[in-house]
Each structure stands twice: as structure tokens, then as C-alpha cells.
N, C-alpha and C. Protein backbone atom coordinates (compact mmCIF):
# COMPACT_ATOMS: atom_id res chain seq x y z
N MET A 1 21.54 5.46 -23.14
CA MET A 1 20.84 4.80 -22.79
C MET A 1 20.38 4.78 -21.45
N PRO A 2 21.49 4.46 -20.78
CA PRO A 2 21.24 4.37 -18.93
C PRO A 2 21.08 5.47 -18.53
N ALA A 3 21.08 6.69 -19.06
CA ALA A 3 20.65 7.61 -18.51
C ALA A 3 18.68 8.09 -18.30
N PHE A 4 18.34 7.48 -19.43
CA PHE A 4 16.68 7.40 -19.18
C PHE A 4 16.47 6.34 -18.24
N ASP A 5 17.09 4.92 -18.36
CA ASP A 5 17.03 4.08 -17.49
C ASP A 5 16.76 4.53 -16.37
N ASN A 6 17.51 4.90 -15.66
CA ASN A 6 17.98 5.56 -14.27
C ASN A 6 16.35 6.47 -13.82
N ALA A 7 16.55 7.49 -15.05
CA ALA A 7 15.18 8.43 -14.76
C ALA A 7 13.96 7.55 -14.78
N LEU A 8 13.70 6.76 -15.38
CA LEU A 8 12.70 6.32 -15.29
C LEU A 8 12.50 5.13 -14.15
N PHE A 9 13.49 4.44 -13.55
CA PHE A 9 13.44 3.92 -12.44
C PHE A 9 13.13 4.86 -11.27
N GLU A 10 13.83 6.07 -10.99
CA GLU A 10 13.22 7.12 -10.45
C GLU A 10 11.95 8.06 -10.01
N VAL A 11 11.53 7.93 -11.29
CA VAL A 11 9.93 8.22 -11.54
C VAL A 11 9.16 7.24 -10.94
N LEU A 12 9.56 5.77 -11.20
CA LEU A 12 8.34 4.78 -10.56
C LEU A 12 8.99 4.65 -9.31
N ARG A 13 9.94 4.89 -8.59
CA ARG A 13 10.06 5.03 -7.13
C ARG A 13 9.46 5.98 -6.40
N PHE A 14 9.60 7.36 -7.10
CA PHE A 14 8.67 8.26 -6.42
C PHE A 14 7.48 8.16 -6.66
N ALA A 15 6.91 7.28 -7.24
CA ALA A 15 5.17 7.09 -7.66
C ALA A 15 4.80 5.96 -6.59
N VAL A 16 5.66 5.45 -6.40
CA VAL A 16 5.40 4.16 -5.48
C VAL A 16 5.67 4.58 -3.93
N LEU A 17 6.48 5.53 -4.05
CA LEU A 17 6.76 6.00 -2.66
C LEU A 17 5.33 6.63 -2.27
N ALA A 18 5.12 7.43 -3.01
CA ALA A 18 3.56 8.76 -3.32
C ALA A 18 2.13 7.27 -2.53
N LEU A 19 1.99 6.38 -3.66
CA LEU A 19 1.39 5.42 -3.48
C LEU A 19 1.59 4.79 -1.43
N GLY A 20 2.80 4.61 -1.47
CA GLY A 20 2.55 3.74 -0.36
C GLY A 20 2.47 4.50 1.11
N ALA A 21 2.93 6.10 0.78
CA ALA A 21 2.68 6.69 1.95
C ALA A 21 1.07 7.18 2.08
N TRP A 22 0.42 7.15 0.88
CA TRP A 22 -1.36 7.16 0.97
C TRP A 22 -1.83 6.18 1.52
N ALA A 23 -0.97 4.89 0.95
CA ALA A 23 -1.77 3.69 1.68
C ALA A 23 -1.47 3.63 3.15
N THR A 24 -0.43 3.84 3.53
CA THR A 24 -0.29 3.88 5.16
C THR A 24 -1.28 5.21 5.89
N VAL A 25 -1.12 6.34 5.33
CA VAL A 25 -2.23 7.39 6.01
C VAL A 25 -3.73 6.88 6.13
N ASP A 26 -3.99 6.21 4.74
CA ASP A 26 -5.31 5.80 4.67
C ASP A 26 -5.98 4.33 5.36
N ALA A 27 -4.81 3.82 6.04
CA ALA A 27 -4.83 2.48 6.80
C ALA A 27 -4.98 3.26 7.90
N ILE A 28 -3.76 4.01 8.37
CA ILE A 28 -4.23 4.84 10.09
C ILE A 28 -5.57 5.20 10.21
N ILE A 29 -6.36 5.78 8.80
CA ILE A 29 -7.44 6.43 9.44
C ILE A 29 -8.69 5.93 9.52
N ARG A 30 -8.38 5.00 8.93
CA ARG A 30 -9.64 3.75 8.85
C ARG A 30 -9.80 3.17 10.20
N PRO A 31 -11.14 3.03 10.97
CA PRO A 31 -11.68 2.65 12.15
C PRO A 31 -11.39 1.22 12.47
N ALA A 32 -10.32 0.14 13.22
CA ALA A 32 -9.87 -0.74 13.69
C ALA A 32 -10.88 -2.02 13.71
N ALA A 33 -12.27 -1.43 14.05
CA ALA A 33 -13.35 -2.32 13.52
C ALA A 33 -13.92 -2.79 12.24
N GLY A 34 -13.20 -2.11 11.07
CA GLY A 34 -13.91 -2.56 9.88
C GLY A 34 -13.05 -3.03 8.99
N TYR A 35 -11.83 -3.39 9.62
CA TYR A 35 -10.83 -4.49 9.10
C TYR A 35 -11.14 -5.72 9.68
N VAL A 36 -11.90 -5.91 11.06
CA VAL A 36 -12.36 -7.24 11.56
C VAL A 36 -13.44 -7.55 10.62
N ALA A 37 -14.61 -6.43 10.52
CA ALA A 37 -15.78 -6.55 9.82
C ALA A 37 -15.67 -7.23 8.54
N THR A 38 -14.32 -6.76 7.74
CA THR A 38 -14.52 -7.14 6.24
C THR A 38 -13.71 -8.68 6.20
N GLY A 39 -13.21 -8.83 7.29
CA GLY A 39 -12.75 -10.27 7.30
C GLY A 39 -11.05 -10.09 6.92
N LYS A 40 -10.40 -8.76 7.05
CA LYS A 40 -9.29 -8.66 6.73
C LYS A 40 -7.91 -8.48 7.81
N LEU A 41 -6.73 -8.62 7.67
CA LEU A 41 -5.91 -8.79 8.75
C LEU A 41 -6.11 -7.37 9.23
N THR A 42 -5.93 -7.22 10.47
CA THR A 42 -5.96 -6.36 11.44
C THR A 42 -5.40 -5.18 11.41
N LYS A 43 -5.91 -3.99 11.87
CA LYS A 43 -5.38 -2.40 11.47
C LYS A 43 -4.05 -2.65 11.74
N PRO A 44 -3.43 -2.71 12.73
CA PRO A 44 -2.16 -2.89 12.99
C PRO A 44 -1.08 -3.60 12.19
N ALA A 45 -1.67 -4.66 11.55
CA ALA A 45 -1.03 -5.34 10.52
C ALA A 45 -1.16 -4.78 9.16
N TRP A 46 -2.10 -3.90 8.85
CA TRP A 46 -1.92 -3.61 7.65
C TRP A 46 -1.33 -1.87 7.40
N VAL A 47 -0.90 -1.41 8.71
CA VAL A 47 -0.54 -0.11 9.02
C VAL A 47 1.05 -0.52 9.05
N ALA A 48 1.34 -1.68 9.39
CA ALA A 48 2.80 -2.21 9.40
C ALA A 48 3.49 -2.65 7.99
N ILE A 49 2.09 -3.38 7.29
CA ILE A 49 2.46 -3.45 5.83
C ILE A 49 3.00 -2.67 5.34
N THR A 50 1.96 -1.53 5.14
CA THR A 50 2.26 -0.32 4.27
C THR A 50 3.20 0.18 4.53
N ALA A 51 3.72 0.50 5.72
CA ALA A 51 4.71 1.27 6.28
C ALA A 51 5.85 0.71 6.13
N ILE A 52 6.46 -0.39 6.35
CA ILE A 52 7.38 -1.28 6.07
C ILE A 52 7.64 -1.19 4.51
N ALA A 53 6.76 -1.72 3.95
CA ALA A 53 6.77 -1.72 2.49
C ALA A 53 7.28 -0.40 1.98
N THR A 54 6.76 0.75 1.98
CA THR A 54 7.07 2.25 1.61
C THR A 54 9.03 2.07 2.13
N LEU A 55 8.70 1.83 3.31
CA LEU A 55 10.48 2.29 3.86
C LEU A 55 11.06 1.41 2.96
N VAL A 56 10.67 0.19 2.84
CA VAL A 56 11.78 -0.70 1.54
C VAL A 56 11.86 -0.44 0.45
N VAL A 57 10.64 0.15 -0.31
CA VAL A 57 10.89 0.89 -1.67
C VAL A 57 11.79 2.39 -1.36
N TRP A 58 11.71 2.96 -0.41
CA TRP A 58 12.67 3.92 -0.24
C TRP A 58 14.29 3.96 -0.16
N LEU A 59 14.28 2.29 0.65
CA LEU A 59 15.68 1.91 0.84
C LEU A 59 16.15 1.27 -0.56
N SER A 60 15.61 0.47 -1.10
CA SER A 60 15.97 -0.60 -1.95
C SER A 60 15.55 -0.43 -3.34
N GLY A 61 14.71 0.50 -3.45
CA GLY A 61 14.22 0.81 -4.92
C GLY A 61 12.96 0.16 -5.06
N VAL A 62 12.42 0.21 -6.52
CA VAL A 62 11.17 -0.70 -6.75
C VAL A 62 11.42 -1.86 -7.35
N VAL A 63 12.59 -2.00 -8.11
CA VAL A 63 13.36 -3.30 -9.06
C VAL A 63 14.14 -3.94 -7.85
N SER A 64 13.95 -4.55 -7.28
CA SER A 64 14.69 -5.20 -6.16
C SER A 64 14.04 -6.34 -5.74
N PHE A 65 15.05 -7.05 -5.01
CA PHE A 65 14.44 -8.25 -4.49
C PHE A 65 13.85 -8.41 -3.36
N LEU A 66 13.69 -7.13 -2.73
CA LEU A 66 12.98 -6.82 -1.43
C LEU A 66 11.85 -5.76 -2.19
N GLY A 67 12.02 -4.93 -3.15
CA GLY A 67 11.30 -3.78 -3.53
C GLY A 67 10.17 -4.12 -4.43
N LEU A 68 9.96 -5.32 -5.33
CA LEU A 68 8.43 -6.04 -5.81
C LEU A 68 7.83 -6.78 -4.72
N PRO A 69 8.46 -7.31 -3.60
CA PRO A 69 7.18 -7.84 -2.55
C PRO A 69 6.49 -6.69 -1.87
N ALA A 70 7.55 -5.53 -1.79
CA ALA A 70 6.66 -4.43 -1.39
C ALA A 70 5.84 -3.59 -2.13
N VAL A 71 6.19 -3.20 -3.22
CA VAL A 71 5.16 -2.95 -3.87
C VAL A 71 3.93 -3.74 -4.17
N VAL A 72 3.93 -5.37 -3.98
CA VAL A 72 2.61 -6.16 -4.03
C VAL A 72 1.66 -5.59 -2.88
N GLY A 73 2.40 -5.65 -1.68
CA GLY A 73 1.48 -5.66 -0.73
C GLY A 73 0.90 -3.95 -0.66
N ILE A 74 1.61 -2.79 -1.21
CA ILE A 74 1.26 -1.65 -1.18
C ILE A 74 -0.18 -2.02 -1.95
N VAL A 75 -0.08 -2.51 -2.92
CA VAL A 75 -1.13 -2.47 -4.41
C VAL A 75 -2.22 -3.32 -3.71
N VAL A 76 -2.27 -4.70 -3.07
CA VAL A 76 -2.93 -5.82 -2.59
C VAL A 76 -3.76 -4.36 -1.29
N TYR A 77 -3.37 -3.71 -0.12
CA TYR A 77 -4.23 -2.62 0.24
C TYR A 77 -5.03 -1.88 -0.33
N LEU A 78 -4.38 -1.44 -1.82
CA LEU A 78 -4.89 -0.18 -2.28
C LEU A 78 -6.34 -0.80 -3.18
N VAL A 79 -5.93 -2.05 -3.82
CA VAL A 79 -7.09 -2.60 -4.73
C VAL A 79 -7.75 -3.60 -3.95
N ASP A 80 -7.46 -4.23 -2.74
CA ASP A 80 -8.45 -5.36 -2.17
C ASP A 80 -9.25 -4.75 -0.59
N VAL A 81 -8.24 -4.22 0.23
CA VAL A 81 -8.75 -3.88 1.70
C VAL A 81 -9.13 -2.81 1.44
N ARG A 82 -8.84 -1.60 1.01
CA ARG A 82 -9.08 -0.45 0.85
C ARG A 82 -10.88 -0.42 0.28
N PRO A 83 -11.01 -0.83 -0.89
CA PRO A 83 -12.37 -0.56 -1.19
C PRO A 83 -13.34 -1.33 -0.30
N ALA A 84 -13.08 -2.51 0.63
CA ALA A 84 -13.75 -3.28 1.30
C ALA A 84 -14.08 -2.48 2.70
N LEU A 85 -13.23 -1.87 3.08
CA LEU A 85 -13.52 -0.63 4.29
C LEU A 85 -13.96 0.81 3.65
N ARG A 86 -13.84 1.02 2.53
CA ARG A 86 -14.82 2.08 2.07
C ARG A 86 -16.11 2.00 2.03
N GLY A 87 -16.54 0.39 1.58
CA GLY A 87 -18.00 -0.07 1.42
C GLY A 87 -18.36 -0.50 2.49
N LEU A 88 -17.76 -0.57 3.11
CA LEU A 88 -17.93 -0.89 4.70
C LEU A 88 -18.65 0.55 5.27
N GLN A 89 -18.10 1.23 5.37
CA GLN A 89 -18.47 2.66 5.71
C GLN A 89 -19.23 3.58 5.05
N SER A 90 -19.73 3.19 3.56
CA SER A 90 -20.64 3.75 3.20
C SER A 90 -21.93 3.23 3.24
N GLY A 91 -22.13 2.20 3.98
CA GLY A 91 -23.37 1.07 4.22
C GLY A 91 -23.30 -0.03 3.04
N ASN A 92 -22.61 0.19 1.82
CA ASN A 92 -22.60 -1.00 1.04
C ASN A 92 -22.02 -2.34 1.20
N SER A 93 -22.48 -3.30 1.89
CA SER A 93 -21.95 -4.69 2.36
C SER A 93 -21.78 -5.57 1.06
N SER A 94 -22.21 -5.26 -0.25
CA SER A 94 -22.50 -6.09 -1.14
C SER A 94 -21.36 -6.30 -1.76
N TRP A 95 -19.75 -5.89 -1.33
CA TRP A 95 -18.51 -5.60 -1.74
C TRP A 95 -17.79 -7.07 -1.17
């Protein structure tokens, strides 16, 4: 059974790495003024959070002392900051 566990953790790791890379690229391409307009942290802060979190997951894995907070940072960007920025760009300020 350890082989299955290791394979599952590797699949999780690569999935989170892909999400982290996507979040980092998305944070880079969004305009800096949008972060301030939505009341979120600044663009450099979110780029750093997502990039460092992706690096941490790559080096230590998903289920580790630093890996779990890194996953949380990536997920917060994708489910909170990104929709707010997209809503601002599309003119929907009700978000």
C-alpha cells in the first residue's frame, strides 16, 4: 500500500504545482491598480505569495509543515482575489 500512497501524494503535488504556476502567471498579468481597487494586497505581494508557495510545494511537497500553508495561499488567491479582479475588469463591481 505504500506505493499507492506515494503515487497519490505525487499526483497531488503535481496538481498543486500546476495550480500554483497558473496562479502566479495570473497574478503577473493582472493590472496593479486592480488589486488596490478591490481592497486586496498589492500586486507584488500576491505574485510573491503565489510564487513562493509554488516553490515551497515543489521543494517540500503538499503534506508538510510548510506545504499546507502554501496550498492555502494558492487557494486563497484563486478563490478570493482572482474573482474580484476578474469582476473588476469585466465591469461587475457587485462582487
